[in-house]
PDB file of all heavy atoms in Angstrom:
ATOM      1  N   ASP A   1      21.610 -53.360 -23.913  1.00  0.00           N
ATOM      2  CA  ASP A   1      21.121 -54.076 -22.772  1.00  0.00           C
ATOM      3  C   ASP A   1      20.005 -53.284 -22.143  1.00  0.00           C
ATOM      4  O   ASP A   1      20.197 -52.525 -21.216  1.00  0.00           O
ATOM      5  CB  ASP A   1      22.268 -54.361 -21.805  1.00  0.00           C
ATOM      6  CG  ASP A   1      21.813 -55.276 -20.624  1.00  0.00           C
ATOM      7  OD1 ASP A   1      20.773 -56.020 -20.780  1.00  0.00           O
ATOM      8  OD2 ASP A   1      22.538 -55.256 -19.556  1.00  0.00           O
ATOM      9  N   TYR A   2      18.830 -53.459 -22.656  1.00  0.00           N
ATOM     10  CA  TYR A   2      17.637 -52.670 -22.211  1.00  0.00           C
ATOM     11  C   TYR A   2      17.206 -53.136 -20.840  1.00  0.00           C
ATOM     12  O   TYR A   2      16.705 -54.196 -20.682  1.00  0.00           O
ATOM     13  CB  TYR A   2      16.522 -52.723 -23.193  1.00  0.00           C
ATOM     14  CG  TYR A   2      15.416 -51.796 -22.900  1.00  0.00           C
ATOM     15  CD1 TYR A   2      15.527 -50.450 -22.962  1.00  0.00           C
ATOM     16  CD2 TYR A   2      14.155 -52.325 -22.543  1.00  0.00           C
ATOM     17  CE1 TYR A   2      14.491 -49.565 -22.688  1.00  0.00           C
ATOM     18  CE2 TYR A   2      13.037 -51.461 -22.290  1.00  0.00           C
ATOM     19  CZ  TYR A   2      13.230 -50.136 -22.325  1.00  0.00           C
ATOM     20  OH  TYR A   2      12.236 -49.294 -22.087  1.00  0.00           O
ATOM     21  N   ASN A   3      17.353 -52.248 -19.827  1.00  0.00           N
ATOM     22  CA  ASN A   3      16.899 -52.530 -18.460  1.00  0.00           C
ATOM     23  C   ASN A   3      17.470 -53.775 -17.932  1.00  0.00           C
ATOM     24  O   ASN A   3      16.791 -54.467 -17.104  1.00  0.00           O
ATOM     25  CB  ASN A   3      15.334 -52.501 -18.362  1.00  0.00           C
ATOM     26  CG  ASN A   3      14.804 -51.152 -18.489  1.00  0.00           C
ATOM     27  OD1 ASN A   3      15.481 -50.123 -18.345  1.00  0.00           O
ATOM     28  ND2 ASN A   3      13.506 -51.105 -18.763  1.00  0.00           N
ATOM     29  N   GLY A   4      18.633 -54.149 -18.291  1.00  0.00           N
ATOM     30  CA  GLY A   4      19.268 -55.336 -17.776  1.00  0.00           C
ATOM     31  C   GLY A   4      18.707 -56.676 -18.282  1.00  0.00           C
ATOM     32  O   GLY A   4      18.996 -57.702 -17.676  1.00  0.00           O
ATOM     33  N   THR A   5      17.950 -56.669 -19.329  1.00  0.00           N
ATOM     34  CA  THR A   5      17.376 -57.896 -19.857  1.00  0.00           C
ATOM     35  C   THR A   5      18.223 -58.543 -20.894  1.00  0.00           C
ATOM     36  O   THR A   5      17.894 -59.661 -21.315  1.00  0.00           O
ATOM     37  CB  THR A   5      15.962 -57.526 -20.457  1.00  0.00           C
ATOM     38  OG1 THR A   5      16.120 -56.651 -21.562  1.00  0.00           O
ATOM     39  CG2 THR A   5      15.014 -56.987 -19.427  1.00  0.00           C
ATOM     40  N   GLY A   6      19.228 -57.864 -21.390  1.00  0.00           N
ATOM     41  CA  GLY A   6      20.008 -58.386 -22.471  1.00  0.00           C
ATOM     42  C   GLY A   6      19.365 -58.280 -23.863  1.00  0.00           C
ATOM     43  O   GLY A   6      19.862 -58.765 -24.842  1.00  0.00           O
ATOM     44  N   THR A   7      18.293 -57.542 -23.940  1.00  0.00           N
ATOM     45  CA  THR A   7      17.579 -57.341 -25.201  1.00  0.00           C
ATOM     46  C   THR A   7      18.065 -56.097 -25.882  1.00  0.00           C
ATOM     47  O   THR A   7      18.172 -55.066 -25.259  1.00  0.00           O
ATOM     48  CB  THR A   7      16.063 -57.230 -24.938  1.00  0.00           C
ATOM     49  OG1 THR A   7      15.631 -58.359 -24.226  1.00  0.00           O
ATOM     50  CG2 THR A   7      15.259 -57.095 -26.229  1.00  0.00           C
ATOM     51  N   LYS A   8      18.321 -56.159 -27.143  1.00  0.00           N
ATOM     52  CA  LYS A   8      18.708 -55.006 -27.922  1.00  0.00           C
ATOM     53  C   LYS A   8      17.409 -54.269 -28.354  1.00  0.00           C
ATOM     54  O   LYS A   8      16.567 -54.964 -28.955  1.00  0.00           O
ATOM     55  CB  LYS A   8      19.583 -55.308 -29.119  1.00  0.00           C
ATOM     56  CG  LYS A   8      20.955 -55.574 -28.814  1.00  0.00           C
ATOM     57  CD  LYS A   8      21.804 -55.663 -30.084  1.00  0.00           C
ATOM     58  CE  LYS A   8      23.242 -55.868 -29.701  1.00  0.00           C
ATOM     59  NZ  LYS A   8      24.105 -55.843 -30.884  1.00  0.00           N
ATOM     60  N   VAL A   9      17.340 -53.022 -28.172  1.00  0.00           N
ATOM     61  CA  VAL A   9      16.187 -52.194 -28.615  1.00  0.00           C
ATOM     62  C   VAL A   9      16.676 -50.931 -29.300  1.00  0.00           C
ATOM     63  O   VAL A   9      17.832 -50.505 -29.168  1.00  0.00           O
ATOM     64  CB  VAL A   9      15.306 -51.780 -27.333  1.00  0.00           C
ATOM     65  CG1 VAL A   9      14.687 -53.044 -26.735  1.00  0.00           C
ATOM     66  CG2 VAL A   9      15.953 -50.966 -26.407  1.00  0.00           C
ATOM     67  N   VAL A  10      15.834 -50.348 -29.982  1.00  0.00           N
ATOM     68  CA  VAL A  10      15.933 -49.050 -30.612  1.00  0.00           C
ATOM     69  C   VAL A  10      15.037 -48.087 -29.934  1.00  0.00           C
ATOM     70  O   VAL A  10      13.845 -48.367 -29.803  1.00  0.00           O
ATOM     71  CB  VAL A  10      15.720 -49.089 -32.168  1.00  0.00           C
ATOM     72  CG1 VAL A  10      15.751 -47.693 -32.768  1.00  0.00           C
ATOM     73  CG2 VAL A  10      16.640 -50.015 -32.859  1.00  0.00           C
ATOM     74  N   VAL A  11      15.611 -46.979 -29.469  1.00  0.00           N
ATOM     75  CA  VAL A  11      14.851 -45.934 -28.754  1.00  0.00           C
ATOM     76  C   VAL A  11      14.843 -44.695 -29.621  1.00  0.00           C
ATOM     77  O   VAL A  11      15.847 -44.106 -29.935  1.00  0.00           O
ATOM     78  CB  VAL A  11      15.460 -45.646 -27.340  1.00  0.00           C
ATOM     79  CG1 VAL A  11      14.647 -44.544 -26.681  1.00  0.00           C
ATOM     80  CG2 VAL A  11      15.515 -46.891 -26.558  1.00  0.00           C
ATOM     81  N   ALA A  12      13.650 -44.260 -30.011  1.00  0.00           N
ATOM     82  CA  ALA A  12      13.507 -42.965 -30.810  1.00  0.00           C
ATOM     83  C   ALA A  12      12.805 -41.987 -29.928  1.00  0.00           C
ATOM     84  O   ALA A  12      11.747 -42.240 -29.335  1.00  0.00           O
ATOM     85  CB  ALA A  12      12.703 -43.265 -32.045  1.00  0.00           C
ATOM     86  N   THR A  13      13.402 -40.794 -29.810  1.00  0.00           N
ATOM     87  CA  THR A  13      12.783 -39.709 -29.037  1.00  0.00           C
ATOM     88  C   THR A  13      12.798 -38.429 -29.910  1.00  0.00           C
ATOM     89  O   THR A  13      13.629 -38.250 -30.738  1.00  0.00           O
ATOM     90  CB  THR A  13      13.543 -39.414 -27.753  1.00  0.00           C
ATOM     91  OG1 THR A  13      14.862 -39.053 -28.112  1.00  0.00           O
ATOM     92  CG2 THR A  13      13.547 -40.577 -26.809  1.00  0.00           C
ATOM     93  N   ALA A  14      11.782 -37.574 -29.615  1.00  0.00           N
ATOM     94  CA  ALA A  14      11.657 -36.371 -30.335  1.00  0.00           C
ATOM     95  C   ALA A  14      11.020 -35.339 -29.376  1.00  0.00           C
ATOM     96  O   ALA A  14      10.072 -35.745 -28.654  1.00  0.00           O
ATOM     97  CB  ALA A  14      10.869 -36.437 -31.637  1.00  0.00           C
ATOM     98  N   GLU A  15      11.455 -34.100 -29.383  1.00  0.00           N
ATOM     99  CA  GLU A  15      10.937 -33.054 -28.553  1.00  0.00           C
ATOM    100  C   GLU A  15      10.695 -31.786 -29.410  1.00  0.00           C
ATOM    101  O   GLU A  15      11.491 -31.561 -30.331  1.00  0.00           O
ATOM    102  CB  GLU A  15      11.875 -32.654 -27.418  1.00  0.00           C
ATOM    103  CG  GLU A  15      11.670 -33.442 -26.180  1.00  0.00           C
ATOM    104  CD  GLU A  15      12.613 -32.893 -25.068  1.00  0.00           C
ATOM    105  OE1 GLU A  15      13.050 -31.742 -25.128  1.00  0.00           O
ATOM    106  OE2 GLU A  15      12.875 -33.673 -24.202  1.00  0.00           O
ATOM    107  N   MET A  16       9.679 -31.053 -29.038  1.00  0.00           N
ATOM    108  CA  MET A  16       9.462 -29.798 -29.686  1.00  0.00           C
ATOM    109  C   MET A  16       8.629 -28.905 -28.805  1.00  0.00           C
ATOM    110  O   MET A  16       7.830 -29.341 -28.042  1.00  0.00           O
ATOM    111  CB  MET A  16       8.758 -29.934 -31.038  1.00  0.00           C
ATOM    112  CG  MET A  16       7.313 -30.435 -30.947  1.00  0.00           C
ATOM    113  SD  MET A  16       6.461 -30.479 -32.530  1.00  0.00           S
ATOM    114  CE  MET A  16       5.961 -28.794 -32.694  1.00  0.00           C
ATOM    115  N   PRO A  17       8.856 -27.540 -28.912  1.00  0.00           N
ATOM    116  CA  PRO A  17       7.970 -26.641 -28.128  1.00  0.00           C
ATOM    117  C   PRO A  17       6.697 -26.460 -28.795  1.00  0.00           C
ATOM    118  O   PRO A  17       6.597 -26.423 -30.051  1.00  0.00           O
ATOM    119  CB  PRO A  17       8.759 -25.337 -28.129  1.00  0.00           C
ATOM    120  CG  PRO A  17       9.599 -25.345 -29.333  1.00  0.00           C
ATOM    121  CD  PRO A  17       9.899 -26.853 -29.509  1.00  0.00           C
ATOM    122  N   PHE A  18       5.568 -26.422 -28.041  1.00  0.00           N
ATOM    123  CA  PHE A  18       4.286 -26.167 -28.597  1.00  0.00           C
ATOM    124  C   PHE A  18       4.116 -24.656 -28.854  1.00  0.00           C
ATOM    125  O   PHE A  18       4.407 -23.867 -27.938  1.00  0.00           O
ATOM    126  CB  PHE A  18       3.153 -26.698 -27.696  1.00  0.00           C
ATOM    127  CG  PHE A  18       1.795 -26.362 -28.159  1.00  0.00           C
ATOM    128  CD1 PHE A  18       1.305 -27.031 -29.266  1.00  0.00           C
ATOM    129  CD2 PHE A  18       0.967 -25.487 -27.485  1.00  0.00           C
ATOM    130  CE1 PHE A  18       0.005 -26.770 -29.740  1.00  0.00           C
ATOM    131  CE2 PHE A  18      -0.305 -25.167 -27.986  1.00  0.00           C
ATOM    132  CZ  PHE A  18      -0.741 -25.820 -29.099  1.00  0.00           C
ATOM    133  N   ARG A  19       3.656 -24.267 -30.062  1.00  0.00           N
ATOM    134  CA  ARG A  19       3.549 -22.908 -30.359  1.00  0.00           C
ATOM    135  C   ARG A  19       2.098 -22.518 -30.215  1.00  0.00           C
ATOM    136  O   ARG A  19       1.285 -23.037 -31.026  1.00  0.00           O
ATOM    137  CB  ARG A  19       4.084 -22.655 -31.791  1.00  0.00           C
ATOM    138  CG  ARG A  19       5.550 -22.591 -31.822  1.00  0.00           C
ATOM    139  CD  ARG A  19       6.054 -22.288 -33.281  1.00  0.00           C
ATOM    140  NE  ARG A  19       7.522 -22.203 -33.283  1.00  0.00           N
ATOM    141  CZ  ARG A  19       8.385 -23.179 -33.115  1.00  0.00           C
ATOM    142  NH1 ARG A  19       7.909 -24.390 -32.811  1.00  0.00           N
ATOM    143  NH2 ARG A  19       9.664 -23.004 -33.202  1.00  0.00           N
ATOM    144  N   TRP A  20       1.801 -21.605 -29.326  1.00  0.00           N
ATOM    145  CA  TRP A  20       0.400 -21.186 -29.128  1.00  0.00           C
ATOM    146  C   TRP A  20       0.018 -20.246 -30.277  1.00  0.00           C
ATOM    147  O   TRP A  20       0.845 -19.718 -30.971  1.00  0.00           O
ATOM    148  CB  TRP A  20       0.360 -20.410 -27.821  1.00  0.00           C
ATOM    149  CG  TRP A  20       0.741 -21.245 -26.673  1.00  0.00           C
ATOM    150  CD1 TRP A  20       1.997 -21.302 -26.126  1.00  0.00           C
ATOM    151  CD2 TRP A  20      -0.028 -22.116 -25.889  1.00  0.00           C
ATOM    152  NE1 TRP A  20       2.040 -22.163 -25.012  1.00  0.00           N
ATOM    153  CE2 TRP A  20       0.721 -22.664 -24.878  1.00  0.00           C
ATOM    154  CE3 TRP A  20      -1.393 -22.500 -25.920  1.00  0.00           C
ATOM    155  CZ2 TRP A  20       0.355 -23.566 -23.935  1.00  0.00           C
ATOM    156  CZ3 TRP A  20      -1.893 -23.375 -24.999  1.00  0.00           C
ATOM    157  CH2 TRP A  20      -1.029 -23.938 -24.064  1.00  0.00           C
ATOM    158  N   ILE A  21      -1.318 -20.113 -30.454  1.00  0.00           N
ATOM    159  CA  ILE A  21      -1.846 -19.302 -31.493  1.00  0.00           C
ATOM    160  C   ILE A  21      -1.435 -17.862 -31.209  1.00  0.00           C
ATOM    161  O   ILE A  21      -0.991 -17.153 -32.108  1.00  0.00           O
ATOM    162  CB  ILE A  21      -3.320 -19.463 -31.640  1.00  0.00           C
ATOM    163  CG1 ILE A  21      -3.681 -20.737 -32.259  1.00  0.00           C
ATOM    164  CG2 ILE A  21      -3.877 -18.315 -32.491  1.00  0.00           C
ATOM    165  CD1 ILE A  21      -5.156 -20.986 -32.427  1.00  0.00           C
ATOM    166  N   LEU A  22      -1.634 -17.483 -29.962  1.00  0.00           N
ATOM    167  CA  LEU A  22      -1.174 -16.112 -29.585  1.00  0.00           C
ATOM    168  C   LEU A  22       0.329 -16.071 -29.231  1.00  0.00           C
ATOM    169  O   LEU A  22       0.763 -16.814 -28.343  1.00  0.00           O
ATOM    170  CB  LEU A  22      -1.954 -15.624 -28.333  1.00  0.00           C
ATOM    171  CG  LEU A  22      -3.455 -15.492 -28.484  1.00  0.00           C
ATOM    172  CD1 LEU A  22      -4.101 -15.150 -27.128  1.00  0.00           C
ATOM    173  CD2 LEU A  22      -3.773 -14.420 -29.549  1.00  0.00           C
ATOM    174  N   GLN A  23       1.088 -15.390 -30.034  1.00  0.00           N
ATOM    175  CA  GLN A  23       2.545 -15.378 -29.886  1.00  0.00           C
ATOM    176  C   GLN A  23       2.898 -14.245 -28.852  1.00  0.00           C
ATOM    177  O   GLN A  23       2.180 -13.271 -28.731  1.00  0.00           O
ATOM    178  CB  GLN A  23       3.241 -15.150 -31.167  1.00  0.00           C
ATOM    179  CG  GLN A  23       3.043 -16.296 -32.140  1.00  0.00           C
ATOM    180  CD  GLN A  23       3.649 -17.611 -31.617  1.00  0.00           C
ATOM    181  OE1 GLN A  23       4.768 -17.645 -31.145  1.00  0.00           O
ATOM    182  NE2 GLN A  23       2.900 -18.716 -31.665  1.00  0.00           N
ATOM    183  N   GLY A  24       4.005 -14.311 -28.247  1.00  0.00           N
ATOM    184  CA  GLY A  24       4.469 -13.332 -27.300  1.00  0.00           C
ATOM    185  C   GLY A  24       4.039 -13.612 -25.836  1.00  0.00           C
ATOM    186  O   GLY A  24       3.216 -14.479 -25.630  1.00  0.00           O
ATOM    187  N   ASP A  25       4.586 -12.790 -24.949  1.00  0.00           N
ATOM    188  CA  ASP A  25       4.278 -13.057 -23.537  1.00  0.00           C
ATOM    189  C   ASP A  25       2.825 -12.479 -23.276  1.00  0.00           C
ATOM    190  O   ASP A  25       2.368 -11.569 -23.875  1.00  0.00           O
ATOM    191  CB  ASP A  25       5.187 -12.247 -22.631  1.00  0.00           C
ATOM    192  CG  ASP A  25       6.574 -12.885 -22.631  1.00  0.00           C
ATOM    193  OD1 ASP A  25       6.669 -14.032 -22.989  1.00  0.00           O
ATOM    194  OD2 ASP A  25       7.527 -12.153 -22.334  1.00  0.00           O
ATOM    195  N   MET A  26       2.107 -13.295 -22.460  1.00  0.00           N
ATOM    196  CA  MET A  26       0.717 -12.971 -22.121  1.00  0.00           C
ATOM    197  C   MET A  26       0.691 -12.448 -20.693  1.00  0.00           C
ATOM    198  O   MET A  26       0.979 -13.197 -19.762  1.00  0.00           O
ATOM    199  CB  MET A  26      -0.152 -14.202 -22.303  1.00  0.00           C
ATOM    200  CG  MET A  26      -0.252 -14.734 -23.703  1.00  0.00           C
ATOM    201  SD  MET A  26      -1.081 -16.280 -23.822  1.00  0.00           S
ATOM    202  CE  MET A  26       0.315 -17.358 -23.560  1.00  0.00           C
ATOM    203  N   PRO A  27       0.298 -11.181 -20.498  1.00  0.00           N
ATOM    204  CA  PRO A  27       0.218 -10.630 -19.124  1.00  0.00           C
ATOM    205  C   PRO A  27      -0.938 -11.245 -18.318  1.00  0.00           C
ATOM    206  O   PRO A  27      -2.014 -11.544 -18.884  1.00  0.00           O
ATOM    207  CB  PRO A  27      -0.006  -9.171 -19.330  1.00  0.00           C
ATOM    208  CG  PRO A  27      -0.592  -9.059 -20.664  1.00  0.00           C
ATOM    209  CD  PRO A  27      -0.112 -10.241 -21.470  1.00  0.00           C
ATOM    210  N   THR A  28      -0.673 -11.597 -17.127  1.00  0.00           N
ATOM    211  CA  THR A  28      -1.728 -12.182 -16.230  1.00  0.00           C
ATOM    212  C   THR A  28      -2.389 -11.104 -15.405  1.00  0.00           C
ATOM    213  O   THR A  28      -3.507 -11.340 -14.977  1.00  0.00           O
ATOM    214  CB  THR A  28      -1.133 -13.262 -15.345  1.00  0.00           C
ATOM    215  OG1 THR A  28      -0.121 -12.667 -14.535  1.00  0.00           O
ATOM    216  CG2 THR A  28      -0.623 -14.416 -16.173  1.00  0.00           C
TER     217      THR A  28
END
């Protein structure tokens, strides 16, 4: 029941950390 509309939906989610070219902590 997507948002109370009675419609069936498929929800696909994906997450990932972005890896910077420079690895390690960067002092400011």
